[in-house]
Amino acid sequence: MGDTRARREGGSMVVALLVIAVGVGWLLSASRVVPGVNWAWVLALGVLGLLTLVLGGIDKLTVVVGPFLVALAVFSLLRQTGRIGVEKEIPSLLVIFGLLLLVARSVPWKRA
């Protein structure tokens, strides 16, 4: 029973933080902090990545998903600001994904 309540509260936290991230992104775009960046997308990816680790804990799945979402946010920001192109973004993300898979496989995780 307590587990269900904790999940419900965690879910409402996710929704609240995503709404905040979208609002901050919208304000950054409207303020022209860095023109041409879809802040709602970048911040939503980053927040989801961090929340995956915070709410999901550290295990074989979250150690891949959380950091990969954060990497997606960073690379999306770099591409949107013209610092890298898609031809470097995609292979870099594949390397990061592979490294995260290797970490998930190599670390001896405790069984729940």
PDB file of N, CA and C in Angstrom:
ATOM      1  N   MET A   1       0.826  -1.184   0.000  1.00  0.00           N
ATOM      2  CA  MET A   1       0.000   0.000   0.000  1.00  0.00           C
ATOM      3  C   MET A   1       0.874   1.252   0.000  1.00  0.00           C
ATOM      4  N   GLY A   2       1.931   1.278   0.819  1.00  0.00           N
ATOM      5  CA  GLY A   2       2.826   2.416   0.864  1.00  0.00           C
ATOM      6  C   GLY A   2       3.567   2.609  -0.446  1.00  0.00           C
ATOM      7  N   ASP A   3       3.863   1.482  -1.119  1.00  0.00           N
ATOM      8  CA  ASP A   3       4.573   1.535  -2.396  1.00  0.00           C
ATOM      9  C   ASP A   3       3.727   2.231  -3.457  1.00  0.00           C
ATOM     10  N   THR A   4       2.434   1.954  -3.468  1.00  0.00           N
ATOM     11  CA  THR A   4       1.524   2.586  -4.434  1.00  0.00           C
ATOM     12  C   THR A   4       1.447   4.084  -4.195  1.00  0.00           C
ATOM     13  N   ARG A   5       1.379   4.480  -2.935  1.00  0.00           N
ATOM     14  CA  ARG A   5       1.311   5.900  -2.606  1.00  0.00           C
ATOM     15  C   ARG A   5       2.600   6.613  -3.008  1.00  0.00           C
ATOM     16  N   ALA A   6       3.738   5.972  -2.757  1.00  0.00           N
ATOM     17  CA  ALA A   6       5.025   6.564  -3.131  1.00  0.00           C
ATOM     18  C   ALA A   6       5.125   6.732  -4.637  1.00  0.00           C
ATOM     19  N   ARG A   7       4.654   5.751  -5.393  1.00  0.00           N
ATOM     20  CA  ARG A   7       4.685   5.866  -6.861  1.00  0.00           C
ATOM     21  C   ARG A   7       3.794   6.999  -7.349  1.00  0.00           C
ATOM     22  N   ARG A   8       2.618   7.123  -6.733  1.00  0.00           N
ATOM     23  CA  ARG A   8       1.695   8.187  -7.123  1.00  0.00           C
ATOM     24  C   ARG A   8       2.318   9.548  -6.845  1.00  0.00           C
ATOM     25  N   GLU A   9       2.932   9.703  -5.676  1.00  0.00           N
ATOM     26  CA  GLU A   9       3.578  10.974  -5.326  1.00  0.00           C
ATOM     27  C   GLU A   9       4.768  11.244  -6.235  1.00  0.00           C
ATOM     28  N   GLY A  10       5.535  10.189  -6.570  1.00  0.00           N
ATOM     29  CA  GLY A  10       6.655  10.354  -7.492  1.00  0.00           C
ATOM     30  C   GLY A  10       6.182  10.764  -8.869  1.00  0.00           C
ATOM     31  N   GLY A  11       5.064  10.188  -9.321  1.00  0.00           N
ATOM     32  CA  GLY A  11       4.495  10.546 -10.620  1.00  0.00           C
ATOM     33  C   GLY A  11       4.045  11.986 -10.666  1.00  0.00           C
ATOM     34  N   SER A  12       3.432  12.460  -9.583  1.00  0.00           N
ATOM     35  CA  SER A  12       2.997  13.856  -9.563  1.00  0.00           C
ATOM     36  C   SER A  12       4.203  14.791  -9.516  1.00  0.00           C
ATOM     37  N   MET A  13       5.298  14.331  -8.893  1.00  0.00           N
ATOM     38  CA  MET A  13       6.519  15.133  -8.877  1.00  0.00           C
ATOM     39  C   MET A  13       7.093  15.251 -10.282  1.00  0.00           C
ATOM     40  N   VAL A  14       7.081  14.166 -11.023  1.00  0.00           N
ATOM     41  CA  VAL A  14       7.578  14.173 -12.397  1.00  0.00           C
ATOM     42  C   VAL A  14       6.787  15.168 -13.233  1.00  0.00           C
ATOM     43  N   VAL A  15       5.477  15.119 -13.128  1.00  0.00           N
ATOM     44  CA  VAL A  15       4.623  16.036 -13.895  1.00  0.00           C
ATOM     45  C   VAL A  15       4.928  17.482 -13.519  1.00  0.00           C
ATOM     46  N   ALA A  16       5.031  17.748 -12.220  1.00  0.00           N
ATOM     47  CA  ALA A  16       5.308  19.122 -11.770  1.00  0.00           C
ATOM     48  C   ALA A  16       6.648  19.617 -12.292  1.00  0.00           C
ATOM     49  N   LEU A  17       7.681  18.778 -12.201  1.00  0.00           N
ATOM     50  CA  LEU A  17       9.005  19.195 -12.669  1.00  0.00           C
ATOM     51  C   LEU A  17       9.058  19.365 -14.186  1.00  0.00           C
ATOM     52  N   LEU A  18       8.343  18.535 -14.915  1.00  0.00           N
ATOM     53  CA  LEU A  18       8.291  18.711 -16.369  1.00  0.00           C
ATOM     54  C   LEU A  18       7.572  20.001 -16.747  1.00  0.00           C
ATOM     55  N   VAL A  19       6.502  20.331 -16.032  1.00  0.00           N
ATOM     56  CA  VAL A  19       5.787  21.589 -16.290  1.00  0.00           C
ATOM     57  C   VAL A  19       6.708  22.767 -16.010  1.00  0.00           C
ATOM     58  N   ILE A  20       7.462  22.695 -14.919  1.00  0.00           N
ATOM     59  CA  ILE A  20       8.416  23.757 -14.599  1.00  0.00           C
ATOM     60  C   ILE A  20       9.475  23.864 -15.693  1.00  0.00           C
ATOM     61  N   ALA A  21       9.998  22.725 -16.160  1.00  0.00           N
ATOM     62  CA  ALA A  21      11.031  22.731 -17.208  1.00  0.00           C
ATOM     63  C   ALA A  21      10.490  23.364 -18.490  1.00  0.00           C
ATOM     64  N   VAL A  22       9.259  23.039 -18.859  1.00  0.00           N
ATOM     65  CA  VAL A  22       8.665  23.625 -20.058  1.00  0.00           C
ATOM     66  C   VAL A  22       8.497  25.132 -19.867  1.00  0.00           C
ATOM     67  N   GLY A  23       8.050  25.555 -18.683  1.00  0.00           N
ATOM     68  CA  GLY A  23       7.893  26.986 -18.413  1.00  0.00           C
ATOM     69  C   GLY A  23       9.217  27.735 -18.472  1.00  0.00           C
ATOM     70  N   VAL A  24      10.260  27.153 -17.881  1.00  0.00           N
ATOM     71  CA  VAL A  24      11.585  27.778 -17.919  1.00  0.00           C
ATOM     72  C   VAL A  24      12.082  27.851 -19.361  1.00  0.00           C
ATOM     73  N   GLY A  25      11.887  26.761 -20.104  1.00  0.00           N
ATOM     74  CA  GLY A  25      12.282  26.755 -21.508  1.00  0.00           C
ATOM     75  C   GLY A  25      11.573  27.830 -22.309  1.00  0.00           C
ATOM     76  N   TRP A  26      10.300  27.970 -22.060  1.00  0.00           N
ATOM     77  CA  TRP A  26       9.503  28.980 -22.757  1.00  0.00           C
ATOM     78  C   TRP A  26      10.016  30.386 -22.417  1.00  0.00           C
ATOM     79  N   LEU A  27      10.302  30.616 -21.137  1.00  0.00           N
ATOM     80  CA  LEU A  27      10.841  31.916 -20.727  1.00  0.00           C
ATOM     81  C   LEU A  27      12.200  32.198 -21.362  1.00  0.00           C
ATOM     82  N   LEU A  28      13.061  31.179 -21.421  1.00  0.00           N
ATOM     83  CA  LEU A  28      14.371  31.360 -22.054  1.00  0.00           C
ATOM     84  C   LEU A  28      14.225  31.693 -23.532  1.00  0.00           C
ATOM     85  N   SER A  29      13.294  31.042 -24.210  1.00  0.00           N
ATOM     86  CA  SER A  29      13.064  31.333 -25.627  1.00  0.00           C
ATOM     87  C   SER A  29      12.490  32.732 -25.807  1.00  0.00           C
ATOM     88  N   ALA A  30      11.507  33.085 -24.973  1.00  0.00           N
ATOM     89  CA  ALA A  30      10.874  34.398 -25.076  1.00  0.00           C
ATOM     90  C   ALA A  30      11.858  35.511 -24.737  1.00  0.00           C
ATOM     91  N   SER A  31      12.794  35.238 -23.845  1.00  0.00           N
ATOM     92  CA  SER A  31      13.789  36.235 -23.448  1.00  0.00           C
ATOM     93  C   SER A  31      14.970  36.284 -24.411  1.00  0.00           C
ATOM     94  N   ARG A  32      14.955  35.390 -25.381  1.00  0.00           N
ATOM     95  CA  ARG A  32      16.020  35.298 -26.384  1.00  0.00           C
ATOM     96  C   ARG A  32      17.398  35.124 -25.742  1.00  0.00           C
ATOM     97  N   VAL A  33      17.450  34.284 -24.696  1.00  0.00           N
ATOM     98  CA  VAL A  33      18.716  34.004 -24.018  1.00  0.00           C
ATOM     99  C   VAL A  33      19.697  33.392 -25.011  1.00  0.00           C
ATOM    100  N   VAL A  34      19.295  32.342 -25.674  1.00  0.00           N
ATOM    101  CA  VAL A  34      20.056  31.759 -26.773  1.00  0.00           C
ATOM    102  C   VAL A  34      19.025  31.503 -27.871  1.00  0.00           C
ATOM    103  N   PRO A  35      18.947  32.410 -28.852  1.00  0.00           N
ATOM    104  CA  PRO A  35      17.918  32.266 -29.874  1.00  0.00           C
ATOM    105  C   PRO A  35      18.078  30.980 -30.677  1.00  0.00           C
ATOM    106  N   GLY A  36      16.972  30.417 -31.067  1.00  0.00           N
ATOM    107  CA  GLY A  36      16.976  29.230 -31.912  1.00  0.00           C
ATOM    108  C   GLY A  36      17.089  27.922 -31.165  1.00  0.00           C
ATOM    109  N   VAL A  37      17.042  27.952 -29.833  1.00  0.00           N
ATOM    110  CA  VAL A  37      17.114  26.718 -29.044  1.00  0.00           C
ATOM    111  C   VAL A  37      15.729  26.382 -28.528  1.00  0.00           C
ATOM    112  N   ASN A  38      15.323  25.140 -28.725  1.00  0.00           N
ATOM    113  CA  ASN A  38      14.052  24.672 -28.187  1.00  0.00           C
ATOM    114  C   ASN A  38      14.294  24.249 -26.745  1.00  0.00           C
ATOM    115  N   TRP A  39      14.222  25.221 -25.838  1.00  0.00           N
ATOM    116  CA  TRP A  39      14.541  24.978 -24.435  1.00  0.00           C
ATOM    117  C   TRP A  39      13.596  23.984 -23.790  1.00  0.00           C
ATOM    118  N   ALA A  40      12.332  23.991 -24.189  1.00  0.00           N
ATOM    119  CA  ALA A  40      11.382  23.050 -23.598  1.00  0.00           C
ATOM    120  C   ALA A  40      11.861  21.620 -23.829  1.00  0.00           C
ATOM    121  N   TRP A  41      12.328  21.321 -25.025  1.00  0.00           N
ATOM    122  CA  TRP A  41      12.822  19.985 -25.369  1.00  0.00           C
ATOM    123  C   TRP A  41      14.101  19.657 -24.600  1.00  0.00           C
ATOM    124  N   VAL A  42      15.051  20.577 -24.614  1.00  0.00           N
ATOM    125  CA  VAL A  42      16.343  20.351 -23.963  1.00  0.00           C
ATOM    126  C   VAL A  42      16.153  20.145 -22.458  1.00  0.00           C
ATOM    127  N   LEU A  43      15.385  21.027 -21.822  1.00  0.00           N
ATOM    128  CA  LEU A  43      15.181  20.918 -20.375  1.00  0.00           C
ATOM    129  C   LEU A  43      14.349  19.695 -20.009  1.00  0.00           C
ATOM    130  N   ALA A  44      13.347  19.358 -20.820  1.00  0.00           N
ATOM    131  CA  ALA A  44      12.536  18.171 -20.530  1.00  0.00           C
ATOM    132  C   ALA A  44      13.396  16.911 -20.575  1.00  0.00           C
ATOM    133  N   LEU A  45      14.286  16.802 -21.568  1.00  0.00           N
ATOM    134  CA  LEU A  45      15.188  15.647 -21.638  1.00  0.00           C
ATOM    135  C   LEU A  45      16.097  15.580 -20.411  1.00  0.00           C
ATOM    136  N   GLY A  46      16.675  16.707 -20.053  1.00  0.00           N
ATOM    137  CA  GLY A  46      17.570  16.750 -18.902  1.00  0.00           C
ATOM    138  C   GLY A  46      16.861  16.407 -17.602  1.00  0.00           C
ATOM    139  N   VAL A  47      15.679  16.988 -17.397  1.00  0.00           N
ATOM    140  CA  VAL A  47      14.913  16.713 -16.172  1.00  0.00           C
ATOM    141  C   VAL A  47      14.497  15.248 -16.121  1.00  0.00           C
ATOM    142  N   LEU A  48      14.043  14.702 -17.235  1.00  0.00           N
ATOM    143  CA  LEU A  48      13.674  13.282 -17.252  1.00  0.00           C
ATOM    144  C   LEU A  48      14.868  12.387 -16.925  1.00  0.00           C
ATOM    145  N   GLY A  49      16.032  12.727 -17.447  1.00  0.00           N
ATOM    146  CA  GLY A  49      17.232  11.952 -17.150  1.00  0.00           C
ATOM    147  C   GLY A  49      17.590  11.985 -15.679  1.00  0.00           C
ATOM    148  N   LEU A  50      17.546  13.177 -15.089  1.00  0.00           N
ATOM    149  CA  LEU A  50      17.860  13.297 -13.674  1.00  0.00           C
ATOM    150  C   LEU A  50      16.808  12.620 -12.802  1.00  0.00           C
ATOM    151  N   LEU A  51      15.543  12.776 -13.167  1.00  0.00           N
ATOM    152  CA  LEU A  51      14.476  12.136 -12.396  1.00  0.00           C
ATOM    153  C   LEU A  51      14.539  10.615 -12.473  1.00  0.00           C
ATOM    154  N   THR A  52      15.001  10.103 -13.608  1.00  0.00           N
ATOM    155  CA  THR A  52      15.159   8.655 -13.742  1.00  0.00           C
ATOM    156  C   THR A  52      16.098   8.137 -12.667  1.00  0.00           C
ATOM    157  N   LEU A  53      17.178   8.860 -12.441  1.00  0.00           N
ATOM    158  CA  LEU A  53      18.149   8.447 -11.428  1.00  0.00           C
ATOM    159  C   LEU A  53      17.643   8.708 -10.009  1.00  0.00           C
ATOM    160  N   VAL A  54      17.009   9.860  -9.804  1.00  0.00           N
ATOM    161  CA  VAL A  54      16.561  10.226  -8.464  1.00  0.00           C
ATOM    162  C   VAL A  54      15.401   9.341  -8.006  1.00  0.00           C
ATOM    163  N   LEU A  55      14.390   9.190  -8.856  1.00  0.00           N
ATOM    164  CA  LEU A  55      13.209   8.423  -8.459  1.00  0.00           C
ATOM    165  C   LEU A  55      13.378   6.927  -8.675  1.00  0.00           C
ATOM    166  N   GLY A  56      14.144   6.548  -9.682  1.00  0.00           N
ATOM    167  CA  GLY A  56      14.306   5.127  -9.993  1.00  0.00           C
ATOM    168  C   GLY A  56      15.460   4.474  -9.265  1.00  0.00           C
ATOM    169  N   GLY A  57      16.313   5.274  -8.635  1.00  0.00           N
ATOM    170  CA  GLY A  57      17.488   4.715  -7.988  1.00  0.00           C
ATOM    171  C   GLY A  57      18.537   4.363  -9.033  1.00  0.00           C
ATOM    172  N   ILE A  58      19.598   3.753  -8.579  1.00  0.00           N
ATOM    173  CA  ILE A  58      20.682   3.371  -9.486  1.00  0.00           C
ATOM    174  C   ILE A  58      20.637   1.858  -9.656  1.00  0.00           C
ATOM    175  N   ASP A  59      20.326   1.434 -10.861  1.00  0.00           N
ATOM    176  CA  ASP A  59      20.346   0.010 -11.180  1.00  0.00           C
ATOM    177  C   ASP A  59      20.757  -0.152 -12.641  1.00  0.00           C
ATOM    178  N   LYS A  60      20.668  -1.374 -13.144  1.00  0.00           N
ATOM    179  CA  LYS A  60      21.115  -1.661 -14.513  1.00  0.00           C
ATOM    180  C   LYS A  60      20.388  -0.835 -15.567  1.00  0.00           C
ATOM    181  N   LEU A  61      19.115  -0.570 -15.351  1.00  0.00           N
ATOM    182  CA  LEU A  61      18.330   0.182 -16.327  1.00  0.00           C
ATOM    183  C   LEU A  61      18.564   1.685 -16.200  1.00  0.00           C
ATOM    184  N   THR A  62      18.441   2.199 -14.974  1.00  0.00           N
ATOM    185  CA  THR A  62      18.518   3.649 -14.803  1.00  0.00           C
ATOM    186  C   THR A  62      19.907   4.203 -15.063  1.00  0.00           C
ATOM    187  N   VAL A  63      20.949   3.380 -14.890  1.00  0.00           N
ATOM    188  CA  VAL A  63      22.307   3.852 -15.144  1.00  0.00           C
ATOM    189  C   VAL A  63      22.546   4.050 -16.644  1.00  0.00           C
ATOM    190  N   VAL A  64      21.692   3.471 -17.463  1.00  0.00           N
ATOM    191  CA  VAL A  64      21.767   3.690 -18.910  1.00  0.00           C
ATOM    192  C   VAL A  64      20.811   4.811 -19.312  1.00  0.00           C
ATOM    193  N   VAL A  65      19.558   4.703 -18.899  1.00  0.00           N
ATOM    194  CA  VAL A  65      18.518   5.632 -19.354  1.00  0.00           C
ATOM    195  C   VAL A  65      18.750   7.060 -18.851  1.00  0.00           C
ATOM    196  N   GLY A  66      19.007   7.227 -17.556  1.00  0.00           N
ATOM    197  CA  GLY A  66      19.163   8.570 -16.991  1.00  0.00           C
ATOM    198  C   GLY A  66      20.288   9.369 -17.636  1.00  0.00           C
ATOM    199  N   PRO A  67      21.518   8.866 -17.582  1.00  0.00           N
ATOM    200  CA  PRO A  67      22.614   9.618 -18.207  1.00  0.00           C
ATOM    201  C   PRO A  67      22.453   9.792 -19.717  1.00  0.00           C
ATOM    202  N   PHE A  68      21.832   8.816 -20.385  1.00  0.00           N
ATOM    203  CA  PHE A  68      21.655   8.958 -21.824  1.00  0.00           C
ATOM    204  C   PHE A  68      20.687  10.097 -22.140  1.00  0.00           C
ATOM    205  N   LEU A  69      19.620  10.245 -21.359  1.00  0.00           N
ATOM    206  CA  LEU A  69      18.698  11.363 -21.568  1.00  0.00           C
ATOM    207  C   LEU A  69      19.399  12.702 -21.324  1.00  0.00           C
ATOM    208  N   VAL A  70      20.242  12.759 -20.321  1.00  0.00           N
ATOM    209  CA  VAL A  70      21.010  13.989 -20.062  1.00  0.00           C
ATOM    210  C   VAL A  70      21.962  14.268 -21.233  1.00  0.00           C
ATOM    211  N   ALA A  71      22.627  13.223 -21.739  1.00  0.00           N
ATOM    212  CA  ALA A  71      23.510  13.395 -22.904  1.00  0.00           C
ATOM    213  C   ALA A  71      22.723  13.873 -24.118  1.00  0.00           C
ATOM    214  N   LEU A  72      21.523  13.328 -24.317  1.00  0.00           N
ATOM    215  CA  LEU A  72      20.667  13.795 -25.416  1.00  0.00           C
ATOM    216  C   LEU A  72      20.378  15.284 -25.281  1.00  0.00           C
ATOM    217  N   ALA A  73      20.099  15.731 -24.065  1.00  0.00           N
ATOM    218  CA  ALA A  73      19.815  17.151 -23.837  1.00  0.00           C
ATOM    219  C   ALA A  73      21.026  18.009 -24.186  1.00  0.00           C
ATOM    220  N   VAL A  74      22.199  17.593 -23.719  1.00  0.00           N
ATOM    221  CA  VAL A  74      23.425  18.359 -23.969  1.00  0.00           C
ATOM    222  C   VAL A  74      23.730  18.416 -25.464  1.00  0.00           C
ATOM    223  N   PHE A  75      23.669  17.264 -26.129  1.00  0.00           N
ATOM    224  CA  PHE A  75      23.981  17.238 -27.561  1.00  0.00           C
ATOM    225  C   PHE A  75      22.926  17.983 -28.385  1.00  0.00           C
ATOM    226  N   SER A  76      21.685  17.932 -27.957  1.00  0.00           N
ATOM    227  CA  SER A  76      20.639  18.691 -28.642  1.00  0.00           C
ATOM    228  C   SER A  76      20.921  20.185 -28.535  1.00  0.00           C
ATOM    229  N   LEU A  77      21.325  20.630 -27.349  1.00  0.00           N
ATOM    230  CA  LEU A  77      21.672  22.040 -27.153  1.00  0.00           C
ATOM    231  C   LEU A  77      22.863  22.427 -28.024  1.00  0.00           C
ATOM    232  N   LEU A  78      23.892  21.580 -28.050  1.00  0.00           N
ATOM    233  CA  LEU A  78      25.073  21.865 -28.878  1.00  0.00           C
ATOM    234  C   LEU A  78      24.715  21.948 -30.360  1.00  0.00           C
ATOM    235  N   ARG A  79      23.844  21.043 -30.819  1.00  0.00           N
ATOM    236  CA  ARG A  79      23.451  21.063 -32.234  1.00  0.00           C
ATOM    237  C   ARG A  79      22.625  22.302 -32.547  1.00  0.00           C
ATOM    238  N   GLN A  80      21.681  22.636 -31.661  1.00  0.00           N
ATOM    239  CA  GLN A  80      20.807  23.778 -31.904  1.00  0.00           C
ATOM    240  C   GLN A  80      21.554  25.111 -31.866  1.00  0.00           C
ATOM    241  N   THR A  81      22.656  25.156 -31.160  1.00  0.00           N
ATOM    242  CA  THR A  81      23.453  26.392 -31.120  1.00  0.00           C
ATOM    243  C   THR A  81      24.535  26.408 -32.198  1.00  0.00           C
ATOM    244  N   GLY A  82      24.599  25.363 -33.019  1.00  0.00           N
ATOM    245  CA  GLY A  82      25.525  25.337 -34.135  1.00  0.00           C
ATOM    246  C   GLY A  82      26.941  24.910 -33.774  1.00  0.00           C
ATOM    247  N   ARG A  83      27.137  24.394 -32.578  1.00  0.00           N
ATOM    248  CA  ARG A  83      28.481  23.979 -32.170  1.00  0.00           C
ATOM    249  C   ARG A  83      28.881  22.624 -32.738  1.00  0.00           C
ATOM    250  N   ILE A  84      27.905  21.762 -32.996  1.00  0.00           N
ATOM    251  CA  ILE A  84      28.165  20.475 -33.661  1.00  0.00           C
ATOM    252  C   ILE A  84      27.052  20.220 -34.664  1.00  0.00           C
ATOM    253  N   GLY A  85      27.324  19.348 -35.605  1.00  0.00           N
ATOM    254  CA  GLY A  85      26.322  18.970 -36.587  1.00  0.00           C
ATOM    255  C   GLY A  85      25.792  17.576 -36.293  1.00  0.00           C
ATOM    256  N   VAL A  86      24.740  17.221 -36.991  1.00  0.00           N
ATOM    257  CA  VAL A  86      24.125  15.903 -36.817  1.00  0.00           C
ATOM    258  C   VAL A  86      25.125  14.797 -37.128  1.00  0.00           C
ATOM    259  N   GLU A  87      26.034  15.064 -38.072  1.00  0.00           N
ATOM    260  CA  GLU A  87      27.012  14.038 -38.461  1.00  0.00           C
ATOM    261  C   GLU A  87      27.961  13.684 -37.315  1.00  0.00           C
ATOM    262  N   LYS A  88      28.095  14.567 -36.314  1.00  0.00           N
ATOM    263  CA  LYS A  88      28.898  14.254 -35.129  1.00  0.00           C
ATOM    264  C   LYS A  88      28.016  13.904 -33.928  1.00  0.00           C
ATOM    265  N   GLU A  89      26.826  14.462 -33.903  1.00  0.00           N
ATOM    266  CA  GLU A  89      25.924  14.228 -32.767  1.00  0.00           C
ATOM    267  C   GLU A  89      25.518  12.757 -32.661  1.00  0.00           C
ATOM    268  N   ILE A  90      25.046  12.181 -33.750  1.00  0.00           N
ATOM    269  CA  ILE A  90      24.525  10.816 -33.723  1.00  0.00           C
ATOM    270  C   ILE A  90      25.603   9.794 -33.375  1.00  0.00           C
ATOM    271  N   PRO A  91      26.776   9.815 -34.035  1.00  0.00           N
ATOM    272  CA  PRO A  91      27.797   8.833 -33.649  1.00  0.00           C
ATOM    273  C   PRO A  91      28.274   9.015 -32.207  1.00  0.00           C
ATOM    274  N   SER A  92      28.365  10.260 -31.761  1.00  0.00           N
ATOM    275  CA  SER A  92      28.778  10.504 -30.376  1.00  0.00           C
ATOM    276  C   SER A  92      27.772   9.905 -29.398  1.00  0.00           C
ATOM    277  N   LEU A  93      26.494  10.076 -29.693  1.00  0.00           N
ATOM    278  CA  LEU A  93      25.455   9.512 -28.828  1.00  0.00           C
ATOM    279  C   LEU A  93      25.491   7.985 -28.850  1.00  0.00           C
ATOM    280  N   LEU A  94      25.805   7.405 -30.000  1.00  0.00           N
ATOM    281  CA  LEU A  94      25.928   5.946 -30.063  1.00  0.00           C
ATOM    282  C   LEU A  94      27.085   5.446 -29.204  1.00  0.00           C
ATOM    283  N   VAL A  95      28.199   6.163 -29.224  1.00  0.00           N
ATOM    284  CA  VAL A  95      29.348   5.790 -28.390  1.00  0.00           C
ATOM    285  C   VAL A  95      28.965   5.893 -26.910  1.00  0.00           C
ATOM    286  N   ILE A  96      28.315   6.974 -26.536  1.00  0.00           N
ATOM    287  CA  ILE A  96      27.886   7.156 -25.140  1.00  0.00           C
ATOM    288  C   ILE A  96      26.928   6.039 -24.730  1.00  0.00           C
ATOM    289  N   PHE A  97      25.979   5.721 -25.589  1.00  0.00           N
ATOM    290  CA  PHE A  97      25.014   4.659 -25.296  1.00  0.00           C
ATOM    291  C   PHE A  97      25.731   3.323 -25.099  1.00  0.00           C
ATOM    292  N   GLY A  98      26.673   3.022 -25.975  1.00  0.00           N
ATOM    293  CA  GLY A  98      27.446   1.784 -25.853  1.00  0.00           C
ATOM    294  C   GLY A  98      28.241   1.732 -24.561  1.00  0.00           C
ATOM    295  N   LEU A  99      28.872   2.853 -24.199  1.00  0.00           N
ATOM    296  CA  LEU A  99      29.630   2.905 -22.950  1.00  0.00           C
ATOM    297  C   LEU A  99      28.726   2.694 -21.735  1.00  0.00           C
ATOM    298  N   LEU A 100      27.547   3.293 -21.772  1.00  0.00           N
ATOM    299  CA  LEU A 100      26.595   3.111 -20.665  1.00  0.00           C
ATOM    300  C   LEU A 100      26.122   1.662 -20.579  1.00  0.00           C
ATOM    301  N   LEU A 101      25.895   1.035 -21.737  1.00  0.00           N
ATOM    302  CA  LEU A 101      25.520  -0.380 -21.738  1.00  0.00           C
ATOM    303  C   LEU A 101      26.638  -1.234 -21.150  1.00  0.00           C
ATOM    304  N   LEU A 102      27.871  -0.885 -21.484  1.00  0.00           N
ATOM    305  CA  LEU A 102      29.028  -1.612 -20.959  1.00  0.00           C
ATOM    306  C   LEU A 102      29.128  -1.459 -19.435  1.00  0.00           C
ATOM    307  N   VAL A 103      28.900  -0.252 -18.939  1.00  0.00           N
ATOM    308  CA  VAL A 103      28.906  -0.024 -17.488  1.00  0.00           C
ATOM    309  C   VAL A 103      27.806  -0.838 -16.823  1.00  0.00           C
ATOM    310  N   ALA A 104      26.616  -0.809 -17.408  1.00  0.00           N
ATOM    311  CA  ALA A 104      25.485  -1.544 -16.824  1.00  0.00           C
ATOM    312  C   ALA A 104      25.780  -3.037 -16.766  1.00  0.00           C
ATOM    313  N   ARG A 105      26.491  -3.535 -17.751  1.00  0.00           N
ATOM    314  CA  ARG A 105      26.808  -4.966 -17.810  1.00  0.00           C
ATOM    315  C   ARG A 105      27.969  -5.330 -16.905  1.00  0.00           C
ATOM    316  N   SER A 106      28.912  -4.425 -16.716  1.00  0.00           N
ATOM    317  CA  SER A 106      30.152  -4.721 -16.004  1.00  0.00           C
ATOM    318  C   SER A 106      30.060  -4.588 -14.485  1.00  0.00           C
ATOM    319  N   VAL A 107      29.228  -3.679 -14.018  1.00  0.00           N
ATOM    320  CA  VAL A 107      29.143  -3.439 -12.577  1.00  0.00           C
ATOM    321  C   VAL A 107      28.299  -4.524 -11.921  1.00  0.00           C
ATOM    322  N   PRO A 108      28.778  -5.097 -10.816  1.00  0.00           N
ATOM    323  CA  PRO A 108      27.986  -6.124 -10.130  1.00  0.00           C
ATOM    324  C   PRO A 108      26.846  -5.469  -9.327  1.00  0.00           C
ATOM    325  N   TRP A 109      25.652  -5.499  -9.867  1.00  0.00           N
ATOM    326  CA  TRP A 109      24.484  -4.870  -9.236  1.00  0.00           C
ATOM    327  C   TRP A 109      23.890  -5.789  -8.190  1.00  0.00           C
ATOM    328  N   LYS A 110      23.405  -5.189  -7.115  1.00  0.00           N
ATOM    329  CA  LYS A 110      22.722  -5.947  -6.069  1.00  0.00           C
ATOM    330  C   LYS A 110      21.329  -6.334  -6.550  1.00  0.00           C
ATOM    331  N   ARG A 111      20.907  -7.512  -6.206  1.00  0.00           N
ATOM    332  CA  ARG A 111      19.547  -7.934  -6.547  1.00  0.00           C
ATOM    333  C   ARG A 111      18.603  -7.460  -5.464  1.00  0.00           C
ATOM    334  N   ALA A 112      17.445  -6.979  -5.910  1.00  0.00           N
ATOM    335  CA  ALA A 112      16.452  -6.452  -4.958  1.00  0.00           C
ATOM    336  C   ALA A 112      15.744  -7.561  -4.218  1.00  0.00           C
TER     337      ALA A 112
END
